[in-house]
C-alpha atoms as a PDB file:
ATOM      1  CA  UNK A   1      -0.265   0.122   0.129  1.00  0.00           C
ATOM      2  CA  UNK A   2       0.746   3.387  -0.642  1.00  0.00           C
ATOM      3  CA  UNK A   3       0.905   6.866   0.891  1.00  0.00           C
ATOM      4  CA  UNK A   4      -1.132   8.955  -1.945  1.00  0.00           C
ATOM      5  CA  UNK A   5      -1.761  12.588  -1.948  1.00  0.00           C
ATOM      6  CA  UNK A   6      -4.698  13.710  -4.639  1.00  0.00           C
ATOM      7  CA  UNK A   7      -5.610  17.503  -5.531  1.00  0.00           C
ATOM      8  CA  UNK A   8      -4.098  18.968  -1.980  1.00  0.00           C
ATOM      9  CA  UNK A   9      -4.472  22.435  -1.490  1.00  0.00           C
ATOM     10  CA  UNK A  10      -3.790  24.152   2.089  1.00  0.00           C
ATOM     11  CA  UNK A  11      -3.461  27.675   3.597  1.00  0.00           C
ATOM     12  CA  UNK A  12      -2.881  29.964   6.334  1.00  0.00           C
ATOM     13  CA  UNK A  13      -4.370  31.716   8.957  1.00  0.00           C
ATOM     14  CA  UNK A  14      -1.815  33.644  11.385  1.00  0.00           C
ATOM     15  CA  UNK A  15      -3.086  35.355  13.719  1.00  0.00           C
ATOM     16  CA  UNK A  16      -6.472  35.607  12.387  1.00  0.00           C
ATOM     17  CA  UNK A  17      -5.224  37.834   9.131  1.00  0.00           C
ATOM     18  CA  UNK A  18      -6.025  36.420   5.847  1.00  0.00           C
ATOM     19  CA  UNK A  19      -6.048  33.045   4.318  1.00  0.00           C
ATOM     20  CA  UNK A  20      -2.935  32.732   2.269  1.00  0.00           C
ATOM     21  CA  UNK A  21      -2.899  30.168   0.315  1.00  0.00           C
ATOM     22  CA  UNK A  22       0.582  28.094   0.431  1.00  0.00           C
ATOM     23  CA  UNK A  23      -0.284  24.606  -1.548  1.00  0.00           C
ATOM     24  CA  UNK A  24      -2.567  24.356  -4.724  1.00  0.00           C
ATOM     25  CA  UNK A  25      -3.693  21.091  -6.269  1.00  0.00           C
ATOM     26  CA  UNK A  26      -0.905  18.947  -5.459  1.00  0.00           C
ATOM     27  CA  UNK A  27      -0.647  15.607  -6.063  1.00  0.00           C
ATOM     28  CA  UNK A  28       1.843  12.465  -5.702  1.00  0.00           C
ATOM     29  CA  UNK A  29       2.144   9.376  -4.864  1.00  0.00           C
ATOM     30  CA  UNK A  30       5.056   7.508  -1.915  1.00  0.00           C
ATOM     31  CA  UNK A  31       5.139   3.441  -2.435  1.00  0.00           C
ATOM     32  CA  UNK A  32       7.665   1.385  -0.293  1.00  0.00           C
ATOM     33  CA  UNK A  33      10.544   0.546  -1.465  1.00  0.00           C
ATOM     34  CA  UNK A  34      11.437   4.030  -3.343  1.00  0.00           C
ATOM     35  CA  UNK A  35      13.031   7.488  -2.472  1.00  0.00           C
ATOM     36  CA  UNK A  36      10.616  10.119  -3.541  1.00  0.00           C
ATOM     37  CA  UNK A  37      12.721  13.763  -3.650  1.00  0.00           C
ATOM     38  CA  UNK A  38      10.335  17.324  -2.879  1.00  0.00           C
ATOM     39  CA  UNK A  39      12.999  20.550  -4.246  1.00  0.00           C
ATOM     40  CA  UNK A  40      11.304  23.988  -5.229  1.00  0.00           C
ATOM     41  CA  UNK A  41      12.843  27.477  -4.030  1.00  0.00           C
ATOM     42  CA  UNK A  42      11.777  28.549  -0.773  1.00  0.00           C
ATOM     43  CA  UNK A  43       8.353  29.399   0.052  1.00  0.00           C
ATOM     44  CA  UNK A  44       7.367  26.757  -2.739  1.00  0.00           C
ATOM     45  CA  UNK A  45       5.390  24.561   0.107  1.00  0.00           C
ATOM     46  CA  UNK A  46       7.846  21.835   0.532  1.00  0.00           C
ATOM     47  CA  UNK A  47       7.687  21.477   4.024  1.00  0.00           C
ATOM     48  CA  UNK A  48       3.735  22.701   4.489  1.00  0.00           C
ATOM     49  CA  UNK A  49       3.313  19.111   2.507  1.00  0.00           C
ATOM     50  CA  UNK A  50       5.509  17.147   5.395  1.00  0.00           C
ATOM     51  CA  UNK A  51       2.861  19.066   7.786  1.00  0.00           C
ATOM     52  CA  UNK A  52       0.360  17.155   5.933  1.00  0.00           C
ATOM     53  CA  UNK A  53       1.076  14.336   5.811  1.00  0.00           C
ATOM     54  CA  UNK A  54       1.744  13.552   9.437  1.00  0.00           C
ATOM     55  CA  UNK A  55      -1.470  16.157  10.138  1.00  0.00           C
ATOM     56  CA  UNK A  56       0.075  18.788  11.627  1.00  0.00           C
ATOM     57  CA  UNK A  57      -2.234  20.664   8.997  1.00  0.00           C
ATOM     58  CA  UNK A  58      -5.440  20.218   7.543  1.00  0.00           C
ATOM     59  CA  UNK A  59      -5.894  20.589   3.718  1.00  0.00           C
ATOM     60  CA  UNK A  60      -8.438  22.864   2.835  1.00  0.00           C
ATOM     61  CA  UNK A  61      -9.123  20.338  -0.507  1.00  0.00           C
ATOM     62  CA  UNK A  62      -7.567  17.177  -2.219  1.00  0.00           C
ATOM     63  CA  UNK A  63      -7.901  13.626  -0.010  1.00  0.00           C
ATOM     64  CA  UNK A  64      -4.353  11.854   1.891  1.00  0.00           C
ATOM     65  CA  UNK A  65      -4.312   8.065   2.359  1.00  0.00           C
ATOM     66  CA  UNK A  66      -1.883   6.002   3.725  1.00  0.00           C
ATOM     67  CA  UNK A  67      -1.967   2.228   3.560  1.00  0.00           C
ATOM     68  CA  UNK A  68      -5.259   2.788   1.830  1.00  0.00           C
ATOM     69  CA  UNK A  69      -6.909   4.982   4.552  1.00  0.00           C
ATOM     70  CA  UNK A  70      -7.847   8.544   5.060  1.00  0.00           C
ATOM     71  CA  UNK A  71      -5.242  10.169   7.246  1.00  0.00           C
ATOM     72  CA  UNK A  72      -8.146  11.634   9.097  1.00  0.00           C
ATOM     73  CA  UNK A  73      -9.144   8.427  10.765  1.00  0.00           C
ATOM     74  CA  UNK A  74      -5.865   7.341  12.000  1.00  0.00           C
ATOM     75  CA  UNK A  75      -5.298   7.587  15.991  1.00  0.00           C
ATOM     76  CA  UNK A  76      -2.304   9.501  17.367  1.00  0.00           C
ATOM     77  CA  UNK A  77      -0.257   6.709  17.710  1.00  0.00           C
ATOM     78  CA  UNK A  78      -1.201   4.746  15.051  1.00  0.00           C
ATOM     79  CA  UNK A  79      -0.501   7.292  12.648  1.00  0.00           C
ATOM     80  CA  UNK A  80       3.399   7.714  13.997  1.00  0.00           C
ATOM     81  CA  UNK A  81       3.638   4.130  13.918  1.00  0.00           C
ATOM     82  CA  UNK A  82       3.120   4.440   9.923  1.00  0.00           C
ATOM     83  CA  UNK A  83       4.272   7.301   9.222  1.00  0.00           C
ATOM     84  CA  UNK A  84       7.542   9.411  10.766  1.00  0.00           C
ATOM     85  CA  UNK A  85       9.369  12.105  10.053  1.00  0.00           C
ATOM     86  CA  UNK A  86      12.850  13.668  10.639  1.00  0.00           C
ATOM     87  CA  UNK A  87      12.420  17.147  11.232  1.00  0.00           C
ATOM     88  CA  UNK A  88      14.699  20.854   9.767  1.00  0.00           C
ATOM     89  CA  UNK A  89      15.469  21.221  12.823  1.00  0.00           C
ATOM     90  CA  UNK A  90      15.426  19.248  15.274  1.00  0.00           C
ATOM     91  CA  UNK A  91      15.556  19.402  19.131  1.00  0.00           C
ATOM     92  CA  UNK A  92      17.401  16.619  21.316  1.00  0.00           C
ATOM     93  CA  UNK A  93      16.287  16.598  24.932  1.00  0.00           C
ATOM     94  CA  UNK A  94      19.545  16.963  27.081  1.00  0.00           C
ATOM     95  CA  UNK A  95      20.547  15.226  30.260  1.00  0.00           C
ATOM     96  CA  UNK A  96      19.916  11.827  28.441  1.00  0.00           C
ATOM     97  CA  UNK A  97      22.236   9.874  26.439  1.00  0.00           C
ATOM     98  CA  UNK A  98      21.680   8.772  23.152  1.00  0.00           C
ATOM     99  CA  UNK A  99      20.409   5.075  23.306  1.00  0.00           C
ATOM    100  CA  UNK A 100      17.713   6.678  26.097  1.00  0.00           C
ATOM    101  CA  UNK A 101      16.965   8.746  23.134  1.00  0.00           C
ATOM    102  CA  UNK A 102      16.676   5.933  21.033  1.00  0.00           C
ATOM    103  CA  UNK A 103      14.190   4.198  23.100  1.00  0.00           C
ATOM    104  CA  UNK A 104      11.825   7.302  22.702  1.00  0.00           C
ATOM    105  CA  UNK A 105      11.100   6.304  18.955  1.00  0.00           C
ATOM    106  CA  UNK A 106       9.122   3.227  20.288  1.00  0.00           C
ATOM    107  CA  UNK A 107       6.892   5.585  22.103  1.00  0.00           C
ATOM    108  CA  UNK A 108       4.200   4.770  19.566  1.00  0.00           C
ATOM    109  CA  UNK A 109       4.201   0.843  20.035  1.00  0.00           C
ATOM    110  CA  UNK A 110       4.045   1.571  24.203  1.00  0.00           C
ATOM    111  CA  UNK A 111       1.399   4.020  24.019  1.00  0.00           C
ATOM    112  CA  UNK A 112       0.509   6.270  27.226  1.00  0.00           C
ATOM    113  CA  UNK A 113       1.945   3.411  30.077  1.00  0.00           C
ATOM    114  CA  UNK A 114       3.438   0.479  28.266  1.00  0.00           C
ATOM    115  CA  UNK A 115       6.290  -1.068  28.862  1.00  0.00           C
ATOM    116  CA  UNK A 116       9.549  -1.639  27.307  1.00  0.00           C
ATOM    117  CA  UNK A 117       9.135  -5.205  26.253  1.00  0.00           C
ATOM    118  CA  UNK A 118      12.261  -7.370  24.120  1.00  0.00           C
ATOM    119  CA  UNK A 119      10.996  -6.276  20.726  1.00  0.00           C
ATOM    120  CA  UNK A 120      11.073  -2.717  21.576  1.00  0.00           C
ATOM    121  CA  UNK A 121      15.404  -3.143  22.892  1.00  0.00           C
ATOM    122  CA  UNK A 122      15.516  -4.864  19.872  1.00  0.00           C
ATOM    123  CA  UNK A 123      14.530  -2.265  17.790  1.00  0.00           C
ATOM    124  CA  UNK A 124      16.304   0.160  19.541  1.00  0.00           C
ATOM    125  CA  UNK A 125      19.738  -1.955  18.883  1.00  0.00           C
ATOM    126  CA  UNK A 126      19.090  -2.107  15.323  1.00  0.00           C
ATOM    127  CA  UNK A 127      18.603   1.780  14.916  1.00  0.00           C
ATOM    128  CA  UNK A 128      21.766   2.203  16.805  1.00  0.00           C
ATOM    129  CA  UNK A 129      23.558  -0.460  14.094  1.00  0.00           C
ATOM    130  CA  UNK A 130      22.002   0.636  11.421  1.00  0.00           C
ATOM    131  CA  UNK A 131      23.179   4.450  11.787  1.00  0.00           C
ATOM    132  CA  UNK A 132      26.559   3.347  13.836  1.00  0.00           C
ATOM    133  CA  UNK A 133      25.406   5.769  16.627  1.00  0.00           C
ATOM    134  CA  UNK A 134      26.622   2.294  18.845  1.00  0.00           C
ATOM    135  CA  UNK A 135      30.038   3.286  19.630  1.00  0.00           C
ATOM    136  CA  UNK A 136      28.655   6.173  20.976  1.00  0.00           C
ATOM    137  CA  UNK A 137      25.229   5.281  22.866  1.00  0.00           C
ATOM    138  CA  UNK A 138      26.730   5.600  26.405  1.00  0.00           C
ATOM    139  CA  UNK A 139      27.345   9.644  25.626  1.00  0.00           C
ATOM    140  CA  UNK A 140      25.029  12.463  26.753  1.00  0.00           C
ATOM    141  CA  UNK A 141      23.305  14.071  23.654  1.00  0.00           C
ATOM    142  CA  UNK A 142      24.732  17.748  24.422  1.00  0.00           C
ATOM    143  CA  UNK A 143      28.269  15.982  24.210  1.00  0.00           C
ATOM    144  CA  UNK A 144      27.923  15.101  20.366  1.00  0.00           C
ATOM    145  CA  UNK A 145      28.795  17.314  16.932  1.00  0.00           C
ATOM    146  CA  UNK A 146      26.084  18.466  15.074  1.00  0.00           C
ATOM    147  CA  UNK A 147      26.484  15.258  12.465  1.00  0.00           C
ATOM    148  CA  UNK A 148      26.157  12.798  15.576  1.00  0.00           C
ATOM    149  CA  UNK A 149      23.186  14.712  16.768  1.00  0.00           C
ATOM    150  CA  UNK A 150      21.748  14.454  13.595  1.00  0.00           C
ATOM    151  CA  UNK A 151      22.643  10.577  13.270  1.00  0.00           C
ATOM    152  CA  UNK A 152      20.854   9.845  16.050  1.00  0.00           C
ATOM    153  CA  UNK A 153      17.971  11.972  15.374  1.00  0.00           C
ATOM    154  CA  UNK A 154      17.517   9.867  12.309  1.00  0.00           C
ATOM    155  CA  UNK A 155      18.211   6.978  14.470  1.00  0.00           C
ATOM    156  CA  UNK A 156      15.316   7.638  16.716  1.00  0.00           C
ATOM    157  CA  UNK A 157      12.842   7.639  13.921  1.00  0.00           C
ATOM    158  CA  UNK A 158      13.972   3.591  12.684  1.00  0.00           C
ATOM    159  CA  UNK A 159      13.625   2.435  16.009  1.00  0.00           C
ATOM    160  CA  UNK A 160       9.646   3.375  15.561  1.00  0.00           C
ATOM    161  CA  UNK A 161       9.791   1.294  12.617  1.00  0.00           C
ATOM    162  CA  UNK A 162       7.335   3.450  10.130  1.00  0.00           C
ATOM    163  CA  UNK A 163       6.290   2.790   7.161  1.00  0.00           C
ATOM    164  CA  UNK A 164       6.952   5.695   5.244  1.00  0.00           C
ATOM    165  CA  UNK A 165       9.555   8.013   6.301  1.00  0.00           C
ATOM    166  CA  UNK A 166       9.686  11.568   5.982  1.00  0.00           C
ATOM    167  CA  UNK A 167      12.784  14.353   5.591  1.00  0.00           C
ATOM    168  CA  UNK A 168      12.409  17.468   6.148  1.00  0.00           C
ATOM    169  CA  UNK A 169      16.238  19.259   4.871  1.00  0.00           C
ATOM    170  CA  UNK A 170      18.003  16.502   7.021  1.00  0.00           C
ATOM    171  CA  UNK A 171      21.385  17.159   5.139  1.00  0.00           C
ATOM    172  CA  UNK A 172      21.143  21.094   6.441  1.00  0.00           C
ATOM    173  CA  UNK A 173      24.140  22.639   8.090  1.00  0.00           C
ATOM    174  CA  UNK A 174      26.246  19.120   7.893  1.00  0.00           C
ATOM    175  CA  UNK A 175      29.157  18.400   6.005  1.00  0.00           C
ATOM    176  CA  UNK A 176      29.640  16.368   2.855  1.00  0.00           C
ATOM    177  CA  UNK A 177      30.833  13.100   4.707  1.00  0.00           C
ATOM    178  CA  UNK A 178      27.587  13.281   6.577  1.00  0.00           C
ATOM    179  CA  UNK A 179      25.041  14.579   4.128  1.00  0.00           C
ATOM    180  CA  UNK A 180      26.296  11.068   1.930  1.00  0.00           C
ATOM    181  CA  UNK A 181      25.968   8.710   4.830  1.00  0.00           C
ATOM    182  CA  UNK A 182      22.650   9.866   5.849  1.00  0.00           C
ATOM    183  CA  UNK A 183      20.963   9.930   3.013  1.00  0.00           C
ATOM    184  CA  UNK A 184      22.625   6.411   2.321  1.00  0.00           C
ATOM    185  CA  UNK A 185      20.624   5.178   5.306  1.00  0.00           C
ATOM    186  CA  UNK A 186      17.725   7.069   3.884  1.00  0.00           C
ATOM    187  CA  UNK A 187      18.406   4.675   0.541  1.00  0.00           C
ATOM    188  CA  UNK A 188      19.155   1.780   2.758  1.00  0.00           C
ATOM    189  CA  UNK A 189      15.791   1.797   4.414  1.00  0.00           C
ATOM    190  CA  UNK A 190      14.088   1.880   1.012  1.00  0.00           C
ATOM    191  CA  UNK A 191      15.285  -1.057   0.220  1.00  0.00           C
ATOM    192  CA  UNK A 192      14.590  -2.745   3.403  1.00  0.00           C
ATOM    193  CA  UNK A 193      10.836  -2.150   1.750  1.00  0.00           C
ATOM    194  CA  UNK A 194      10.013   1.895   3.458  1.00  0.00           C
ATOM    195  CA  UNK A 195       8.882   4.746   1.014  1.00  0.00           C
ATOM    196  CA  UNK A 196      11.141   7.705   1.696  1.00  0.00           C
ATOM    197  CA  UNK A 197       9.810  11.074   1.087  1.00  0.00           C
ATOM    198  CA  UNK A 198      12.632  13.725   1.266  1.00  0.00           C
ATOM    199  CA  UNK A 199      13.282  17.617   0.988  1.00  0.00           C
ATOM    200  CA  UNK A 200      16.134  18.628  -0.228  1.00  0.00           C
ATOM    201  CA  UNK A 201      17.995  21.844  -1.849  1.00  0.00           C
ATOM    202  CA  UNK A 202      20.697  20.442  -2.853  1.00  0.00           C
ATOM    203  CA  UNK A 203      19.714  19.545  -6.538  1.00  0.00           C
ATOM    204  CA  UNK A 204      22.822  17.524  -7.526  1.00  0.00           C
ATOM    205  CA  UNK A 205      22.220  14.975  -3.922  1.00  0.00           C
ATOM    206  CA  UNK A 206      18.421  15.012  -4.853  1.00  0.00           C
ATOM    207  CA  UNK A 207      19.196  14.181  -8.344  1.00  0.00           C
ATOM    208  CA  UNK A 208      21.612  11.401  -6.887  1.00  0.00           C
ATOM    209  CA  UNK A 209      20.036   9.647  -4.397  1.00  0.00           C
ATOM    210  CA  UNK A 210      16.363   9.843  -5.142  1.00  0.00           C
ATOM    211  CA  UNK A 211      14.283   7.747  -7.204  1.00  0.00           C
ATOM    212  CA  UNK A 212      11.574  11.157  -8.262  1.00  0.00           C
ATOM    213  CA  UNK A 213      11.528  13.890  -7.839  1.00  0.00           C
ATOM    214  CA  UNK A 214       8.655  16.571  -7.453  1.00  0.00           C
ATOM    215  CA  UNK A 215       8.929  20.204  -7.967  1.00  0.00           C
ATOM    216  CA  UNK A 216       7.229  22.958  -6.368  1.00  0.00           C
ATOM    217  CA  UNK A 217       7.285  26.675  -6.635  1.00  0.00           C
ATOM    218  CA  UNK A 218       5.082  28.901  -5.598  1.00  0.00           C
ATOM    219  CA  UNK A 219       2.695  25.978  -3.912  1.00  0.00           C
ATOM    220  CA  UNK A 220       1.774  24.687  -7.233  1.00  0.00           C
ATOM    221  CA  UNK A 221       3.685  21.292  -8.752  1.00  0.00           C
ATOM    222  CA  UNK A 222       4.875  21.776 -11.714  1.00  0.00           C
ATOM    223  CA  UNK A 223       6.777  18.609 -12.857  1.00  0.00           C
ATOM    224  CA  UNK A 224       7.074  14.838 -11.292  1.00  0.00           C
ATOM    225  CA  UNK A 225       9.386  11.943 -12.689  1.00  0.00           C
ATOM    226  CA  UNK A 226      12.689  10.236 -12.986  1.00  0.00           C
ATOM    227  CA  UNK A 227      15.840  12.668 -12.431  1.00  0.00           C
ATOM    228  CA  UNK A 228      16.892  13.013 -15.662  1.00  0.00           C
ATOM    229  CA  UNK A 229      13.588  13.794 -17.211  1.00  0.00           C
ATOM    230  CA  UNK A 230      13.070  16.603 -14.426  1.00  0.00           C
ATOM    231  CA  UNK A 231      16.338  18.347 -13.962  1.00  0.00           C
ATOM    232  CA  UNK A 232      16.672  20.363 -17.120  1.00  0.00           C
ATOM    233  CA  UNK A 233      18.499  23.656 -17.754  1.00  0.00           C
ATOM    234  CA  UNK A 234      15.145  25.463 -18.974  1.00  0.00           C
ATOM    235  CA  UNK A 235      12.929  24.122 -15.957  1.00  0.00           C
ATOM    236  CA  UNK A 236      16.057  25.112 -13.169  1.00  0.00           C
ATOM    237  CA  UNK A 237      15.813  28.135 -14.592  1.00  0.00           C
ATOM    238  CA  UNK A 238      12.314  29.018 -14.570  1.00  0.00           C
ATOM    239  CA  UNK A 239      11.757  27.409 -11.059  1.00  0.00           C
ATOM    240  CA  UNK A 240      14.736  28.771  -8.810  1.00  0.00           C
ATOM    241  CA  UNK A 241      15.741  31.441 -11.684  1.00  0.00           C
ATOM    242  CA  UNK A 242      18.858  30.472 -12.152  1.00  0.00           C
ATOM    243  CA  UNK A 243      21.314  29.751 -15.721  1.00  0.00           C
ATOM    244  CA  UNK A 244      22.780  26.226 -15.199  1.00  0.00           C
ATOM    245  CA  UNK A 245      24.271  24.042 -17.761  1.00  0.00           C
ATOM    246  CA  UNK A 246      23.194  19.866 -16.626  1.00  0.00           C
ATOM    247  CA  UNK A 247      25.440  17.302 -17.605  1.00  0.00           C
ATOM    248  CA  UNK A 248      25.229  13.850 -17.719  1.00  0.00           C
ATOM    249  CA  UNK A 249      26.698  11.470 -15.026  1.00  0.00           C
ATOM    250  CA  UNK A 250      26.319   7.699 -16.290  1.00  0.00           C
ATOM    251  CA  UNK A 251      22.668   8.965 -16.777  1.00  0.00           C
ATOM    252  CA  UNK A 252      22.599  10.727 -13.166  1.00  0.00           C
ATOM    253  CA  UNK A 253      22.279  14.407 -14.119  1.00  0.00           C
ATOM    254  CA  UNK A 254      24.638  16.816 -12.701  1.00  0.00           C
ATOM    255  CA  UNK A 255      23.761  21.069 -12.127  1.00  0.00           C
ATOM    256  CA  UNK A 256      26.107  23.376 -13.153  1.00  0.00           C
ATOM    257  CA  UNK A 257      25.404  26.591 -12.475  1.00  0.00           C
ATOM    258  CA  UNK A 258      26.417  29.471 -14.749  1.00  0.00           C
ATOM    259  CA  UNK A 259      27.931  32.486 -13.972  1.00  0.00           C
ATOM    260  CA  UNK A 260      28.249  35.790 -15.806  1.00  0.00           C
ATOM    261  CA  UNK A 261      30.655  38.258 -15.632  1.00  0.00           C
ATOM    262  CA  UNK A 262      30.103  41.822 -15.025  1.00  0.00           C
ATOM    263  CA  UNK A 263      32.510  44.037 -14.720  1.00  0.00           C
ATOM    264  CA  UNK A 264      35.720  41.353 -14.396  1.00  0.00           C
ATOM    265  CA  UNK A 265      33.678  39.671 -11.187  1.00  0.00           C
ATOM    266  CA  UNK A 266      30.903  37.493 -11.223  1.00  0.00           C
ATOM    267  CA  UNK A 267      27.720  38.153 -11.119  1.00  0.00           C
ATOM    268  CA  UNK A 268      25.340  37.615  -8.218  1.00  0.00           C
ATOM    269  CA  UNK A 269      22.990  34.037  -8.618  1.00  0.00           C
ATOM    270  CA  UNK A 270      20.035  33.437  -7.200  1.00  0.00           C
ATOM    271  CA  UNK A 271      19.633  29.793  -6.062  1.00  0.00           C
END
């Protein structure tokens, strides 16, 4: 079964102000075993889409179905067992050791007053191993580097054992090594049968790590398809307002920005 978004629109009403439409008639499907990337400029509606999929926001039109059921029919813990989110700016509770934080991912399976059982302990160990965080499982989270903390966040979500994994800009503030590692973890989850939806700003990382791309601009869906189909110089210019060349690396598109010389200096290019 899949996560199916059909004709979804959404809006915000901040502090009683007039409604501001942020998504308009967006449709996509996430199936087990694939990684789908969502790309687009700032304000395109990428994070809003993830809020809809975790029911932190209710659509004003359209429908969302998870495993064939309307998303609104799920209880809070039931949805958390099915769909998990790595947020854009995750916060780890200080004072806890890494293995304790990862174990918090089991909360949807335990309920309010459940006790830890052997399957829960096994899930925590598997999550620590999958993210290579087992080596510092006994350290307090406030002693970790930024990359290590991000891996712990990912491990906590893996311990949740969701069918669908949502990642909102998971590579932000990470150096190249940790960017590659984290997206490799995501691909391994897809290979194990999970559906992964990832919001990314880096177009080359998106092309390299995703099976399909959904392109948003101004809250509207403007393209969807395999990276080699979607990543064209014309589409990138239209969506991002940037002049680029797109070359192929063994079939994977690589985006190369073009800088126009002005008065002996490179002109500013906005992405």
